């Protein structure tokens, strides 16, 4: 199935996309590690079934040096040994912040405590913003039927240079 709509070819959509990308830059330039950003984005995208965003974040993570083993195990991070405690806290936070309909309280107190143990205020602000942003990006791509497979690392950044 082809994409339903190209936001970048519409005046309102294009202006929105530029501002949306600007919000992403704030997170990218934050002290939250790039690897954590990509792992969190990948996990939320897996949960939301966003093929386009999975494609983007797997390729960006690989280009930044992430290993294939870790990328393959993101979907089963609880049953793997390749993630740090800090990354595990971020992945739990991403899952709970993404699955709001499944957990009426959102992020649990236990997960919040783990995140606070590992992240200072600036990195936490970036993590909260990232979970919100990737969920919005997933929805934009799923609603418009953006497909995964054709993305090449660096394409998104180049589009807004």
C-alpha atoms as a PDB file:
ATOM      1  CA  UNK A   1       0.000   0.000   0.000  1.00  0.00           C
ATOM      2  CA  UNK A   2       1.281   3.450  -0.852  1.00  0.00           C
ATOM      3  CA  UNK A   3       1.478   6.268   1.650  1.00  0.00           C
ATOM      4  CA  UNK A   4      -1.834   8.061   2.014  1.00  0.00           C
ATOM      5  CA  UNK A   5      -0.486  11.569   2.382  1.00  0.00           C
ATOM      6  CA  UNK A   6       2.847  13.367   2.248  1.00  0.00           C
ATOM      7  CA  UNK A   7       2.993  15.981   4.992  1.00  0.00           C
ATOM      8  CA  UNK A   8       6.086  17.515   3.414  1.00  0.00           C
ATOM      9  CA  UNK A   9       4.172  18.383   0.229  1.00  0.00           C
ATOM     10  CA  UNK A  10       1.500  20.326   2.102  1.00  0.00           C
ATOM     11  CA  UNK A  11       2.013  23.857   3.440  1.00  0.00           C
ATOM     12  CA  UNK A  12       0.595  23.211   6.890  1.00  0.00           C
ATOM     13  CA  UNK A  13       2.155  19.760   7.098  1.00  0.00           C
ATOM     14  CA  UNK A  14       5.555  21.072   6.044  1.00  0.00           C
ATOM     15  CA  UNK A  15       5.512  23.889   8.610  1.00  0.00           C
ATOM     16  CA  UNK A  16       4.464  21.419  11.300  1.00  0.00           C
ATOM     17  CA  UNK A  17       7.170  18.922  10.285  1.00  0.00           C
ATOM     18  CA  UNK A  18       9.869  21.609  10.549  1.00  0.00           C
ATOM     19  CA  UNK A  19       8.753  22.550  14.063  1.00  0.00           C
ATOM     20  CA  UNK A  20       8.455  18.875  14.994  1.00  0.00           C
ATOM     21  CA  UNK A  21      12.012  18.299  13.766  1.00  0.00           C
ATOM     22  CA  UNK A  22      13.129  21.309  15.812  1.00  0.00           C
ATOM     23  CA  UNK A  23      11.715  19.686  18.933  1.00  0.00           C
ATOM     24  CA  UNK A  24      13.675  16.569  18.027  1.00  0.00           C
ATOM     25  CA  UNK A  25      16.874  18.622  17.781  1.00  0.00           C
ATOM     26  CA  UNK A  26      16.480  19.716  21.401  1.00  0.00           C
ATOM     27  CA  UNK A  27      16.488  16.049  22.418  1.00  0.00           C
ATOM     28  CA  UNK A  28      19.329  15.099  20.050  1.00  0.00           C
ATOM     29  CA  UNK A  29      21.491  17.874  21.507  1.00  0.00           C
ATOM     30  CA  UNK A  30      20.668  16.917  25.105  1.00  0.00           C
ATOM     31  CA  UNK A  31      22.962  14.937  27.417  1.00  0.00           C
ATOM     32  CA  UNK A  32      20.752  11.837  26.967  1.00  0.00           C
ATOM     33  CA  UNK A  33      23.090   9.328  25.254  1.00  0.00           C
ATOM     34  CA  UNK A  34      22.471   8.848  21.530  1.00  0.00           C
ATOM     35  CA  UNK A  35      22.343   5.073  21.984  1.00  0.00           C
ATOM     36  CA  UNK A  36      19.600   5.443  24.613  1.00  0.00           C
ATOM     37  CA  UNK A  37      17.683   7.788  22.332  1.00  0.00           C
ATOM     38  CA  UNK A  38      17.740   5.266  19.491  1.00  0.00           C
ATOM     39  CA  UNK A  39      16.909   2.250  21.691  1.00  0.00           C
ATOM     40  CA  UNK A  40      13.955   4.061  23.275  1.00  0.00           C
ATOM     41  CA  UNK A  41      12.705   5.271  19.887  1.00  0.00           C
ATOM     42  CA  UNK A  42      13.047   1.787  18.444  1.00  0.00           C
ATOM     43  CA  UNK A  43      11.160   0.138  21.321  1.00  0.00           C
ATOM     44  CA  UNK A  44       8.257   2.595  21.220  1.00  0.00           C
ATOM     45  CA  UNK A  45       8.076   2.199  17.435  1.00  0.00           C
ATOM     46  CA  UNK A  46       7.976  -1.599  17.776  1.00  0.00           C
ATOM     47  CA  UNK A  47       5.101  -1.366  20.258  1.00  0.00           C
ATOM     48  CA  UNK A  48       3.210   1.031  17.979  1.00  0.00           C
ATOM     49  CA  UNK A  49       3.814  -1.057  14.848  1.00  0.00           C
ATOM     50  CA  UNK A  50       5.465   1.811  12.980  1.00  0.00           C
ATOM     51  CA  UNK A  51       7.545   0.211  10.223  1.00  0.00           C
ATOM     52  CA  UNK A  52       8.839   3.553   8.999  1.00  0.00           C
ATOM     53  CA  UNK A  53      10.135   4.599  12.427  1.00  0.00           C
ATOM     54  CA  UNK A  54      11.591   1.148  13.140  1.00  0.00           C
ATOM     55  CA  UNK A  55      13.492   1.452   9.856  1.00  0.00           C
ATOM     56  CA  UNK A  56      14.742   4.944  10.748  1.00  0.00           C
ATOM     57  CA  UNK A  57      15.896   4.102  14.260  1.00  0.00           C
ATOM     58  CA  UNK A  58      17.527   0.767  13.450  1.00  0.00           C
ATOM     59  CA  UNK A  59      19.546   2.395  10.668  1.00  0.00           C
ATOM     60  CA  UNK A  60      20.435   5.526  12.658  1.00  0.00           C
ATOM     61  CA  UNK A  61      21.489   3.390  15.631  1.00  0.00           C
ATOM     62  CA  UNK A  62      23.612   1.124  13.431  1.00  0.00           C
ATOM     63  CA  UNK A  63      25.242   4.144  11.770  1.00  0.00           C
ATOM     64  CA  UNK A  64      26.066   5.497  15.240  1.00  0.00           C
ATOM     65  CA  UNK A  65      27.814   2.215  16.113  1.00  0.00           C
ATOM     66  CA  UNK A  66      25.064   0.227  17.818  1.00  0.00           C
ATOM     67  CA  UNK A  67      25.589  -3.532  17.502  1.00  0.00           C
ATOM     68  CA  UNK A  68      23.269  -5.834  15.592  1.00  0.00           C
ATOM     69  CA  UNK A  69      22.898  -8.043  18.672  1.00  0.00           C
ATOM     70  CA  UNK A  70      21.534  -5.211  20.792  1.00  0.00           C
ATOM     71  CA  UNK A  71      19.237  -4.003  18.012  1.00  0.00           C
ATOM     72  CA  UNK A  72      17.836  -7.504  17.554  1.00  0.00           C
ATOM     73  CA  UNK A  73      17.219  -7.860  21.285  1.00  0.00           C
ATOM     74  CA  UNK A  74      15.405  -4.570  21.916  1.00  0.00           C
ATOM     75  CA  UNK A  75      12.016  -6.255  21.517  1.00  0.00           C
ATOM     76  CA  UNK A  76      12.994  -8.776  24.219  1.00  0.00           C
ATOM     77  CA  UNK A  77      15.200  -6.550  26.367  1.00  0.00           C
ATOM     78  CA  UNK A  78      13.900  -8.049  29.626  1.00  0.00           C
ATOM     79  CA  UNK A  79      15.108 -11.488  28.510  1.00  0.00           C
ATOM     80  CA  UNK A  80      18.572 -10.353  27.443  1.00  0.00           C
ATOM     81  CA  UNK A  81      21.881  -9.495  29.074  1.00  0.00           C
ATOM     82  CA  UNK A  82      23.168  -6.848  26.683  1.00  0.00           C
ATOM     83  CA  UNK A  83      21.589  -3.709  28.171  1.00  0.00           C
ATOM     84  CA  UNK A  84      22.852  -1.695  31.121  1.00  0.00           C
ATOM     85  CA  UNK A  85      20.692  -0.974  34.169  1.00  0.00           C
ATOM     86  CA  UNK A  86      20.371   2.605  32.928  1.00  0.00           C
ATOM     87  CA  UNK A  87      19.190   1.459  29.486  1.00  0.00           C
ATOM     88  CA  UNK A  88      16.792  -1.056  31.042  1.00  0.00           C
ATOM     89  CA  UNK A  89      15.239   1.743  33.123  1.00  0.00           C
ATOM     90  CA  UNK A  90      14.831   3.858  29.962  1.00  0.00           C
ATOM     91  CA  UNK A  91      13.312   0.956  28.018  1.00  0.00           C
ATOM     92  CA  UNK A  92      10.830   0.218  30.825  1.00  0.00           C
ATOM     93  CA  UNK A  93       9.959   3.931  30.921  1.00  0.00           C
ATOM     94  CA  UNK A  94       9.468   3.961  27.140  1.00  0.00           C
ATOM     95  CA  UNK A  95       7.191   0.930  27.264  1.00  0.00           C
ATOM     96  CA  UNK A  96       5.044   2.244  30.098  1.00  0.00           C
ATOM     97  CA  UNK A  97       4.903   5.723  28.590  1.00  0.00           C
ATOM     98  CA  UNK A  98       3.851   4.217  25.258  1.00  0.00           C
ATOM     99  CA  UNK A  99       1.307   1.691  26.532  1.00  0.00           C
ATOM    100  CA  UNK A 100      -0.892   4.242  28.286  1.00  0.00           C
ATOM    101  CA  UNK A 101      -4.101   2.449  27.355  1.00  0.00           C
ATOM    102  CA  UNK A 102      -2.734  -0.761  28.898  1.00  0.00           C
ATOM    103  CA  UNK A 103      -1.647   0.812  32.189  1.00  0.00           C
ATOM    104  CA  UNK A 104      -4.093   3.307  33.624  1.00  0.00           C
ATOM    105  CA  UNK A 105      -1.405   4.836  35.830  1.00  0.00           C
ATOM    106  CA  UNK A 106       1.082   5.330  33.012  1.00  0.00           C
ATOM    107  CA  UNK A 107       4.646   5.007  34.287  1.00  0.00           C
ATOM    108  CA  UNK A 108       4.739   2.967  37.496  1.00  0.00           C
ATOM    109  CA  UNK A 109       6.360   4.237  40.685  1.00  0.00           C
ATOM    110  CA  UNK A 110       8.906   1.412  40.444  1.00  0.00           C
ATOM    111  CA  UNK A 111       9.955   2.411  36.934  1.00  0.00           C
ATOM    112  CA  UNK A 112       9.994   6.088  37.900  1.00  0.00           C
ATOM    113  CA  UNK A 113      12.333   5.294  40.811  1.00  0.00           C
ATOM    114  CA  UNK A 114      14.676   3.356  38.507  1.00  0.00           C
ATOM    115  CA  UNK A 115      14.740   6.188  35.979  1.00  0.00           C
ATOM    116  CA  UNK A 116      15.416   8.772  38.720  1.00  0.00           C
ATOM    117  CA  UNK A 117      18.236   6.574  40.031  1.00  0.00           C
ATOM    118  CA  UNK A 118      20.023   6.751  36.671  1.00  0.00           C
ATOM    119  CA  UNK A 119      19.037  10.070  35.105  1.00  0.00           C
ATOM    120  CA  UNK A 120      19.605  13.637  36.280  1.00  0.00           C
ATOM    121  CA  UNK A 121      16.990  16.319  35.588  1.00  0.00           C
ATOM    122  CA  UNK A 122      18.296  17.265  32.125  1.00  0.00           C
ATOM    123  CA  UNK A 123      18.545  13.688  30.892  1.00  0.00           C
ATOM    124  CA  UNK A 124      15.139  12.905  32.422  1.00  0.00           C
ATOM    125  CA  UNK A 125      13.560  15.914  30.699  1.00  0.00           C
ATOM    126  CA  UNK A 126      15.033  14.679  27.410  1.00  0.00           C
ATOM    127  CA  UNK A 127      13.773  11.125  28.047  1.00  0.00           C
ATOM    128  CA  UNK A 128      10.235  12.290  28.854  1.00  0.00           C
ATOM    129  CA  UNK A 129      10.234  14.513  25.769  1.00  0.00           C
ATOM    130  CA  UNK A 130      11.626  11.721  23.604  1.00  0.00           C
ATOM    131  CA  UNK A 131       8.913   9.248  24.619  1.00  0.00           C
ATOM    132  CA  UNK A 132       6.248  11.851  23.840  1.00  0.00           C
ATOM    133  CA  UNK A 133       7.871  12.805  20.533  1.00  0.00           C
ATOM    134  CA  UNK A 134       8.449   9.276  19.218  1.00  0.00           C
ATOM    135  CA  UNK A 135       4.872   8.316  20.045  1.00  0.00           C
ATOM    136  CA  UNK A 136       3.651  11.341  18.090  1.00  0.00           C
ATOM    137  CA  UNK A 137       5.978  10.473  15.193  1.00  0.00           C
ATOM    138  CA  UNK A 138       4.691   6.885  15.205  1.00  0.00           C
ATOM    139  CA  UNK A 139       1.137   8.119  14.987  1.00  0.00           C
ATOM    140  CA  UNK A 140       1.889  10.486  12.120  1.00  0.00           C
ATOM    141  CA  UNK A 141       3.600   7.723  10.144  1.00  0.00           C
ATOM    142  CA  UNK A 142       1.011   5.021  10.895  1.00  0.00           C
ATOM    143  CA  UNK A 143      -1.960   7.288  10.106  1.00  0.00           C
ATOM    144  CA  UNK A 144      -0.459   8.255   6.735  1.00  0.00           C
ATOM    145  CA  UNK A 145       0.803   4.695   5.986  1.00  0.00           C
ATOM    146  CA  UNK A 146       4.492   5.557   5.750  1.00  0.00           C
ATOM    147  CA  UNK A 147       6.334   2.304   5.074  1.00  0.00           C
ATOM    148  CA  UNK A 148       9.724   1.133   6.279  1.00  0.00           C
ATOM    149  CA  UNK A 149      12.554  -0.087   4.113  1.00  0.00           C
ATOM    150  CA  UNK A 150      13.788   2.813   2.027  1.00  0.00           C
ATOM    151  CA  UNK A 151      15.325   5.008   4.731  1.00  0.00           C
ATOM    152  CA  UNK A 152      19.085   5.604   4.699  1.00  0.00           C
ATOM    153  CA  UNK A 153      20.942   6.853   7.778  1.00  0.00           C
ATOM    154  CA  UNK A 154      21.204  10.631   7.793  1.00  0.00           C
ATOM    155  CA  UNK A 155      18.251  11.259   5.458  1.00  0.00           C
ATOM    156  CA  UNK A 156      16.098  12.884   8.135  1.00  0.00           C
ATOM    157  CA  UNK A 157      18.810  15.299   9.231  1.00  0.00           C
ATOM    158  CA  UNK A 158      19.595  16.182   5.611  1.00  0.00           C
ATOM    159  CA  UNK A 159      15.943  17.030   4.941  1.00  0.00           C
ATOM    160  CA  UNK A 160      16.084  19.866   7.480  1.00  0.00           C
ATOM    161  CA  UNK A 161      19.532  21.313   6.740  1.00  0.00           C
END
